[in-house]
Amino acid sequence: MRIAAILALLLVSASPQDKPPEDVIQMKSEGKLYVGRVTAISDKSIEMTLRDGSQKSIDVKDVHPLSVYKLREARIDAKSGAAHFELAEYCKANGLYGYAAGEYDKAATLDGAFKEKSRRAKDQLRSEEARTKFEQAKRLGAEKKYSEALDLLKQLTERFTDTPYFEEARKEADKLAEELKKENEAKRAEIEEKKRKKEEEAAKAVENAEKTELKKGQDLLAETRTAWEEGLDWEAKGNLTKADKAWKVSDAKLASAHVIVEKLEKSNDVNTIKSAKDLQKEVDTWTVRICYRLGRLWATELNYFEALPWLNRGIKLDPDNHLLNDVLLTLTQLQMRKRAAGGGY
């Protein structure tokens, strides 16, 4: 019906009122259209003058059956029952069952001789339509186009109960429904498997990223130790400025390692969390050492306000560290004596 609507629209729009409508031929392949004037038509070919004046010979077997029907309908003797019956036979042979039924009715109405013949033909037509739908459904089922196939089989079981294909359609529908069920189950299993693999890959990616972060934290600790040893060497050489700088580099690396630890402690992996906690212990141990060295460094210079923050920071992490507490006590005593000597008490 959609093709008939397109053809009708083209016929109306293609011609002014003072000219007869142009002929429109639709080809089977890609829905290509030819518009012009048909000059001759036979069972094998259509001769046509196109709009641009060129001549076109078209093989009938390449033309859409509905297009051929429209051309023949416009050219038969409209009052001839035989002509309508012949046209009905063409429609039947080409799957235009609705049009075939209409032409059989016209033939029977126009000529009583075709009344019984048209009735029998219409009965056969119904069975033929059912057969065509059934074969099409089986073909679609073989192509695994289950939804389209089941739609056709549903039509057969609802509208063609009086044909031999009703029972066959019911059995085929049951078979295809089972195949569709199995296919859907297989697709669900495939989707679940893809989901599982994707989750595994994501988890592996997270695991690898966490391993990389853990390695980065361990490398920072190694760099901390290197800078620590440099600070010791500079202190031994009496270059306190460079010793201070080296130990503060160590402190900065420990701070970066601590950030990594905080991230790893939020992991969903128990082993990663354990490794993060072990790394944090090392970070805290080295932080206390750095605080002690910097606090002691500035205490020897009697710089109370520079030394105190380092000592207090170390004591927060390790309250019972006797080295830190001893330096803090000595520094406090010296500060108190200095104030007393200055008359501050």
Protein backbone atom coordinates (compact mmCIF):
# COMPACT_ATOMS: atom_id res chain seq x y z
CA MET A 1 0.00 0.00 0.00
CA ARG A 2 2.89 2.34 0.68
CA ILE A 3 4.15 1.91 -2.89
CA ALA A 4 0.64 2.58 -4.28
CA ALA A 5 0.49 5.83 -2.29
CA ILE A 6 3.88 6.92 -3.68
CA LEU A 7 2.80 6.15 -7.22
CA ALA A 8 -0.51 8.02 -6.81
CA LEU A 9 1.27 11.06 -5.36
CA LEU A 10 3.72 11.17 -8.25
CA LEU A 11 0.94 10.87 -10.80
CA VAL A 12 -0.93 13.83 -9.31
CA SER A 13 2.09 16.08 -8.80
CA ALA A 14 3.77 15.25 -12.12
CA SER A 15 1.08 16.60 -14.44
CA PRO A 16 -0.84 19.83 -14.89
CA GLN A 17 -4.64 19.65 -15.23
CA ASP A 18 -4.61 20.08 -19.01
CA LYS A 19 -2.40 17.02 -19.58
CA PRO A 20 -2.98 13.32 -18.86
CA PRO A 21 -1.03 11.99 -15.87
CA GLU A 22 2.44 10.64 -16.55
CA ASP A 23 3.28 6.99 -16.03
CA VAL A 24 5.45 6.08 -13.05
CA ILE A 25 7.40 2.83 -13.01
CA GLN A 26 9.10 1.60 -9.88
CA MET A 27 11.92 -0.92 -10.25
CA LYS A 28 12.47 -3.80 -7.83
CA SER A 29 16.07 -2.91 -7.09
CA GLU A 30 16.68 0.06 -4.76
CA GLY A 31 13.19 1.44 -5.46
CA LYS A 32 14.36 3.33 -8.55
CA LEU A 33 11.63 5.28 -10.40
CA TYR A 34 11.13 6.11 -14.08
CA VAL A 35 8.63 8.87 -14.98
CA GLY A 36 7.35 9.54 -18.46
CA ARG A 37 4.90 8.07 -20.96
CA VAL A 38 4.52 4.31 -21.58
CA THR A 39 4.13 3.75 -25.33
CA ALA A 40 3.84 -0.05 -25.33
CA ILE A 41 3.55 -2.87 -22.80
CA SER A 42 3.74 -6.65 -23.22
CA ASP A 43 4.32 -9.66 -20.99
CA LYS A 44 8.06 -9.23 -21.40
CA SER A 45 8.83 -5.53 -21.78
CA ILE A 46 7.68 -1.95 -21.32
CA GLU A 47 8.57 0.75 -23.83
CA MET A 48 8.68 4.24 -22.40
CA THR A 49 9.44 7.84 -23.37
CA LEU A 50 11.07 9.56 -20.39
CA ARG A 51 10.54 13.19 -19.42
CA ASP A 52 13.77 14.22 -21.15
CA GLY A 53 12.51 12.69 -24.42
CA SER A 54 14.82 9.66 -24.37
CA GLN A 55 13.47 6.18 -25.07
CA LYS A 56 13.67 3.45 -22.44
CA SER A 57 13.01 -0.28 -22.82
CA ILE A 58 12.41 -1.99 -19.48
CA ASP A 59 12.29 -5.72 -18.75
CA VAL A 60 8.99 -6.48 -16.97
CA LYS A 61 10.65 -8.95 -14.60
CA ASP A 62 12.74 -6.05 -13.19
CA VAL A 63 9.69 -3.88 -12.43
CA HIS A 64 7.86 -3.98 -9.10
CA PRO A 65 4.64 -6.07 -9.58
CA LEU A 66 2.43 -3.31 -8.15
CA SER A 67 3.79 -0.89 -10.73
CA VAL A 68 3.03 -3.38 -13.53
CA TYR A 69 -0.47 -3.92 -12.13
CA LYS A 70 -1.20 -0.18 -12.14
CA LEU A 71 -0.06 0.13 -15.75
CA ARG A 72 -2.18 -2.83 -16.92
CA GLU A 73 -5.20 -1.76 -14.87
CA ALA A 74 -5.19 1.61 -16.63
CA ARG A 75 -5.06 -0.07 -20.08
CA ILE A 76 -7.57 -2.94 -19.90
CA ASP A 77 -11.19 -2.83 -20.93
CA ALA A 78 -12.74 -1.79 -17.61
CA LYS A 79 -16.05 -3.45 -18.56
CA SER A 80 -14.52 -6.81 -19.46
CA GLY A 81 -14.83 -9.56 -16.85
CA ALA A 82 -12.22 -11.61 -18.69
CA ALA A 83 -9.72 -8.71 -18.58
CA HIS A 84 -10.20 -8.27 -14.85
CA PHE A 85 -9.91 -12.03 -14.27
CA GLU A 86 -6.64 -12.14 -16.22
CA LEU A 87 -5.34 -9.18 -14.21
CA ALA A 88 -6.38 -10.97 -10.99
CA GLU A 89 -4.34 -13.99 -12.07
CA TYR A 90 -1.29 -11.73 -12.55
CA CYS A 91 -1.77 -10.26 -9.08
CA LYS A 92 -2.11 -13.72 -7.55
CA ALA A 93 1.06 -14.98 -9.26
CA ASN A 94 3.02 -11.96 -7.99
CA GLY A 95 1.84 -11.91 -4.38
CA LEU A 96 -0.57 -8.97 -4.71
CA TYR A 97 -3.32 -10.91 -2.96
CA GLY A 98 -5.45 -7.96 -1.90
CA TYR A 99 -5.50 -6.57 -5.44
CA ALA A 100 -6.14 -10.07 -6.81
CA ALA A 101 -9.24 -10.46 -4.62
CA GLY A 102 -10.55 -7.11 -5.83
CA GLU A 103 -10.05 -8.02 -9.48
CA TYR A 104 -11.76 -11.39 -9.04
CA ASP A 105 -14.75 -9.58 -7.52
CA LYS A 106 -14.88 -7.17 -10.48
CA ALA A 107 -14.70 -10.08 -12.94
CA ALA A 108 -17.58 -11.88 -11.18
CA THR A 109 -19.69 -8.71 -11.05
CA LEU A 110 -19.15 -7.81 -14.70
CA ASP A 111 -19.57 -11.30 -16.15
CA GLY A 112 -21.63 -14.06 -14.56
CA ALA A 113 -19.54 -16.63 -16.37
CA PHE A 114 -16.68 -15.77 -14.03
CA LYS A 115 -18.72 -15.86 -10.80
CA GLU A 116 -17.99 -19.46 -9.77
CA LYS A 117 -14.52 -19.40 -11.27
CA SER A 118 -13.68 -16.23 -9.31
CA ARG A 119 -15.08 -17.73 -6.09
CA ARG A 120 -12.88 -20.84 -6.41
CA ALA A 121 -9.91 -18.66 -7.34
CA LYS A 122 -10.44 -16.51 -4.23
CA ASP A 123 -10.58 -19.65 -2.05
CA GLN A 124 -7.31 -20.79 -3.58
CA LEU A 125 -5.98 -17.26 -3.21
CA ARG A 126 -6.42 -17.38 0.56
CA SER A 127 -4.55 -20.65 0.77
CA GLU A 128 -1.87 -19.30 -1.56
CA GLU A 129 -1.45 -16.19 0.57
CA ALA A 130 -1.14 -18.38 3.66
CA ARG A 131 1.45 -20.56 1.90
CA THR A 132 3.46 -17.49 0.85
CA LYS A 133 3.42 -16.05 4.37
CA PHE A 134 4.39 -19.43 5.84
CA GLU A 135 7.33 -19.88 3.46
CA GLN A 136 8.46 -16.32 4.10
CA ALA A 137 8.25 -16.92 7.86
CA LYS A 138 10.34 -20.09 7.54
CA ARG A 139 12.93 -18.23 5.47
CA LEU A 140 13.12 -15.41 8.02
CA GLY A 141 13.42 -17.97 10.81
CA ALA A 142 16.33 -19.66 9.01
CA GLU A 143 17.97 -16.22 8.77
CA LYS A 144 17.43 -15.83 12.55
CA LYS A 145 15.09 -12.87 12.00
CA TYR A 146 12.83 -14.28 14.67
CA SER A 147 10.69 -11.24 15.44
CA GLU A 148 9.69 -10.75 11.78
CA ALA A 149 9.07 -14.48 11.33
CA LEU A 150 6.91 -14.71 14.46
CA ASP A 151 4.85 -11.70 13.34
CA LEU A 152 3.99 -13.50 10.11
CA LEU A 153 3.20 -16.75 11.92
CA LYS A 154 0.95 -14.84 14.31
CA GLN A 155 -1.01 -13.52 11.32
CA LEU A 156 -1.40 -17.09 10.05
CA THR A 157 -2.66 -18.44 13.38
CA GLU A 158 -5.08 -15.53 13.84
CA ARG A 159 -6.39 -14.89 10.30
CA PHE A 160 -5.85 -18.10 8.34
CA THR A 161 -7.33 -20.73 10.64
CA ASP A 162 -9.28 -22.18 7.71
CA THR A 163 -6.16 -22.98 5.66
CA PRO A 164 -3.85 -26.03 5.77
CA TYR A 165 -1.06 -23.78 7.07
CA PHE A 166 -2.70 -22.90 10.38
CA GLU A 167 -1.39 -25.94 12.24
CA GLU A 168 2.00 -25.75 10.52
CA ALA A 169 2.27 -22.09 11.51
CA ARG A 170 1.47 -22.93 15.13
CA LYS A 171 4.19 -25.60 15.25
CA GLU A 172 6.70 -23.35 13.51
CA ALA A 173 5.90 -20.52 15.93
CA ASP A 174 6.56 -22.82 18.91
CA LYS A 175 9.84 -23.94 17.36
CA LEU A 176 11.00 -20.40 16.59
CA ALA A 177 9.95 -19.18 20.04
CA GLU A 178 12.17 -21.88 21.56
CA GLU A 179 15.05 -20.94 19.25
CA LEU A 180 14.56 -17.27 20.12
CA LYS A 181 14.60 -18.16 23.80
CA LYS A 182 17.86 -20.07 23.40
CA GLU A 183 19.37 -17.24 21.37
CA ASN A 184 18.37 -14.69 24.01
CA GLU A 185 19.83 -16.88 26.75
CA ALA A 186 23.04 -17.20 24.75
CA LYS A 187 23.13 -13.43 24.25
CA ARG A 188 22.54 -12.85 27.96
CA ALA A 189 25.33 -15.29 28.78
CA GLU A 190 27.59 -13.51 26.29
CA ILE A 191 26.73 -10.12 27.77
CA GLU A 192 27.39 -11.43 31.29
CA GLU A 193 30.70 -12.89 30.16
CA LYS A 194 31.71 -9.61 28.53
CA LYS A 195 30.65 -7.76 31.67
CA ARG A 196 32.68 -10.16 33.83
CA LYS A 197 35.75 -9.77 31.63
CA LYS A 198 35.33 -6.01 31.60
CA GLU A 199 35.11 -5.96 35.39
CA GLU A 200 38.16 -8.22 35.62
CA GLU A 201 40.07 -5.94 33.27
CA ALA A 202 39.01 -2.89 35.28
CA ALA A 203 40.03 -4.58 38.52
CA LYS A 204 43.35 -5.60 36.96
CA ALA A 205 43.91 -2.04 35.77
CA VAL A 206 43.21 -0.75 39.29
CA GLU A 207 45.51 -3.40 40.73
CA ASN A 208 48.29 -2.47 38.32
CA ALA A 209 47.77 1.22 39.06
CA GLU A 210 47.94 0.54 42.79
CA LYS A 211 51.10 -1.53 42.35
CA THR A 212 52.60 1.37 40.41
CA GLU A 213 51.63 3.80 43.16
CA LEU A 214 53.04 1.49 45.83
CA LYS A 215 56.30 1.24 43.91
CA LYS A 216 56.37 5.02 43.59
CA GLY A 217 55.97 5.34 47.38
CA GLN A 218 58.78 2.85 47.99
CA ASP A 219 61.00 4.75 45.55
CA LEU A 220 60.28 7.96 47.46
CA LEU A 221 61.46 6.25 50.64
CA ALA A 222 64.68 5.21 48.90
CA GLU A 223 65.17 8.82 47.74
CA THR A 224 64.44 9.96 51.29
CA ARG A 225 67.24 7.76 52.62
CA THR A 226 69.65 9.10 49.98
CA ALA A 227 68.86 12.74 50.89
CA TRP A 228 69.09 11.81 54.60
CA GLU A 229 72.60 10.46 54.12
CA GLU A 230 73.59 13.57 52.17
CA GLY A 231 72.40 15.68 55.09
CA LEU A 232 74.53 13.65 57.48
CA ASP A 233 77.59 14.16 55.26
CA TRP A 234 77.01 17.93 55.04
CA GLU A 235 76.50 18.18 58.81
CA ALA A 236 79.77 16.35 59.40
CA LYS A 237 81.49 18.86 57.11
CA GLY A 238 80.03 21.74 59.11
CA ASN A 239 77.84 22.94 56.25
CA LEU A 240 74.59 23.25 58.17
CA THR A 241 72.80 25.11 55.38
CA LYS A 242 73.22 22.22 52.95
CA ALA A 243 72.43 19.69 55.66
CA ASP A 244 69.19 21.58 56.40
CA LYS A 245 68.33 21.63 52.72
CA ALA A 246 69.00 17.89 52.22
CA TRP A 247 66.84 16.89 55.17
CA LYS A 248 64.03 19.17 54.04
CA VAL A 249 64.18 17.45 50.63
CA SER A 250 63.75 14.18 52.54
CA ASP A 251 60.75 15.65 54.34
CA ALA A 252 59.13 16.74 51.05
CA LYS A 253 59.54 13.23 49.60
CA LEU A 254 57.98 11.76 52.73
CA ALA A 255 55.02 14.11 52.32
CA SER A 256 54.54 12.86 48.74
CA ALA A 257 54.75 9.27 49.95
CA HIS A 258 52.10 10.03 52.58
CA VAL A 259 49.69 11.26 49.87
CA ILE A 260 50.19 7.96 48.04
CA VAL A 261 49.53 6.02 51.21
CA GLU A 262 46.24 7.85 51.83
CA LYS A 263 45.08 6.91 48.34
CA LEU A 264 46.11 3.25 48.68
CA GLU A 265 44.39 2.88 52.04
CA LYS A 266 41.06 3.42 50.22
CA SER A 267 41.68 0.36 48.04
CA ASN A 268 39.23 -2.55 47.90
CA ASP A 269 42.11 -5.01 48.04
CA VAL A 270 43.12 -6.25 51.49
CA ASN A 271 46.74 -6.86 50.50
CA THR A 272 47.04 -3.35 49.06
CA ILE A 273 45.68 -1.84 52.27
CA LYS A 274 48.17 -3.87 54.32
CA SER A 275 51.06 -2.74 52.10
CA ALA A 276 49.86 0.86 52.42
CA LYS A 277 49.83 0.62 56.22
CA ASP A 278 53.33 -0.89 56.22
CA LEU A 279 54.50 1.93 53.97
CA GLN A 280 52.91 4.50 56.31
CA LYS A 281 54.86 3.05 59.25
CA GLU A 282 58.09 3.54 57.33
CA VAL A 283 57.04 7.08 56.36
CA ASP A 284 56.32 7.89 60.02
CA THR A 285 59.63 6.35 61.16
CA TRP A 286 61.62 8.40 58.66
CA THR A 287 59.62 11.53 59.46
CA VAL A 288 60.59 11.20 63.15
CA ARG A 289 64.24 10.82 62.12
CA ILE A 290 64.10 13.92 59.93
CA CYS A 291 62.36 15.91 62.67
CA TYR A 292 65.06 14.86 65.12
CA ARG A 293 67.94 15.84 62.82
CA LEU A 294 66.45 19.23 61.91
CA GLY A 295 65.36 19.91 65.50
CA ARG A 296 68.83 18.99 66.79
CA LEU A 297 70.50 21.00 64.00
CA TRP A 298 68.76 24.21 64.96
CA ALA A 299 68.98 23.47 68.69
CA THR A 300 72.77 23.43 68.42
CA GLU A 301 72.46 26.89 66.91
CA LEU A 302 70.28 27.84 69.88
CA ASN A 303 67.53 28.77 67.43
CA TYR A 304 64.59 27.86 69.65
CA PHE A 305 61.83 29.00 67.29
CA GLU A 306 63.26 27.11 64.27
CA ALA A 307 63.98 23.92 66.23
CA LEU A 308 60.74 23.73 68.25
CA PRO A 309 58.28 23.02 65.34
CA TRP A 310 60.43 20.10 64.12
CA LEU A 311 60.78 18.62 67.59
CA ASN A 312 57.07 18.93 68.36
CA ARG A 313 56.12 17.40 65.02
CA GLY A 314 58.33 14.40 65.70
CA ILE A 315 56.91 13.98 69.21
CA LYS A 316 53.36 13.93 67.82
CA LEU A 317 54.28 10.84 65.81
CA ASP A 318 56.39 9.24 68.55
CA PRO A 319 55.55 10.77 71.98
CA ASP A 320 58.01 8.56 73.89
CA ASN A 321 61.01 9.14 71.63
CA HIS A 322 63.74 9.92 74.17
CA LEU A 323 66.05 11.60 71.63
CA LEU A 324 63.44 14.18 70.67
CA ASN A 325 62.38 14.72 74.27
CA ASP A 326 65.97 15.09 75.47
CA VAL A 327 66.75 17.73 72.82
CA LEU A 328 63.52 19.54 73.60
CA LEU A 329 64.24 19.47 77.34
CA THR A 330 67.81 20.73 76.90
CA LEU A 331 66.69 23.45 74.49
CA THR A 332 63.94 24.54 76.89
CA GLN A 333 66.37 24.71 79.79
CA LEU A 334 68.80 26.82 77.76
CA GLN A 335 66.00 29.13 76.73
CA MET A 336 64.88 29.50 80.33
CA ARG A 337 68.43 30.31 81.46
CA LYS A 338 68.78 32.83 78.66
CA ARG A 339 65.60 34.58 79.75
CA ALA A 340 66.62 34.46 83.40
CA ALA A 341 70.00 35.93 82.60
CA GLY A 342 68.26 38.69 80.74
CA GLY A 343 66.05 39.50 83.68
CA GLY A 344 62.94 38.12 82.12
CA TYR A 345 61.86 36.27 85.32
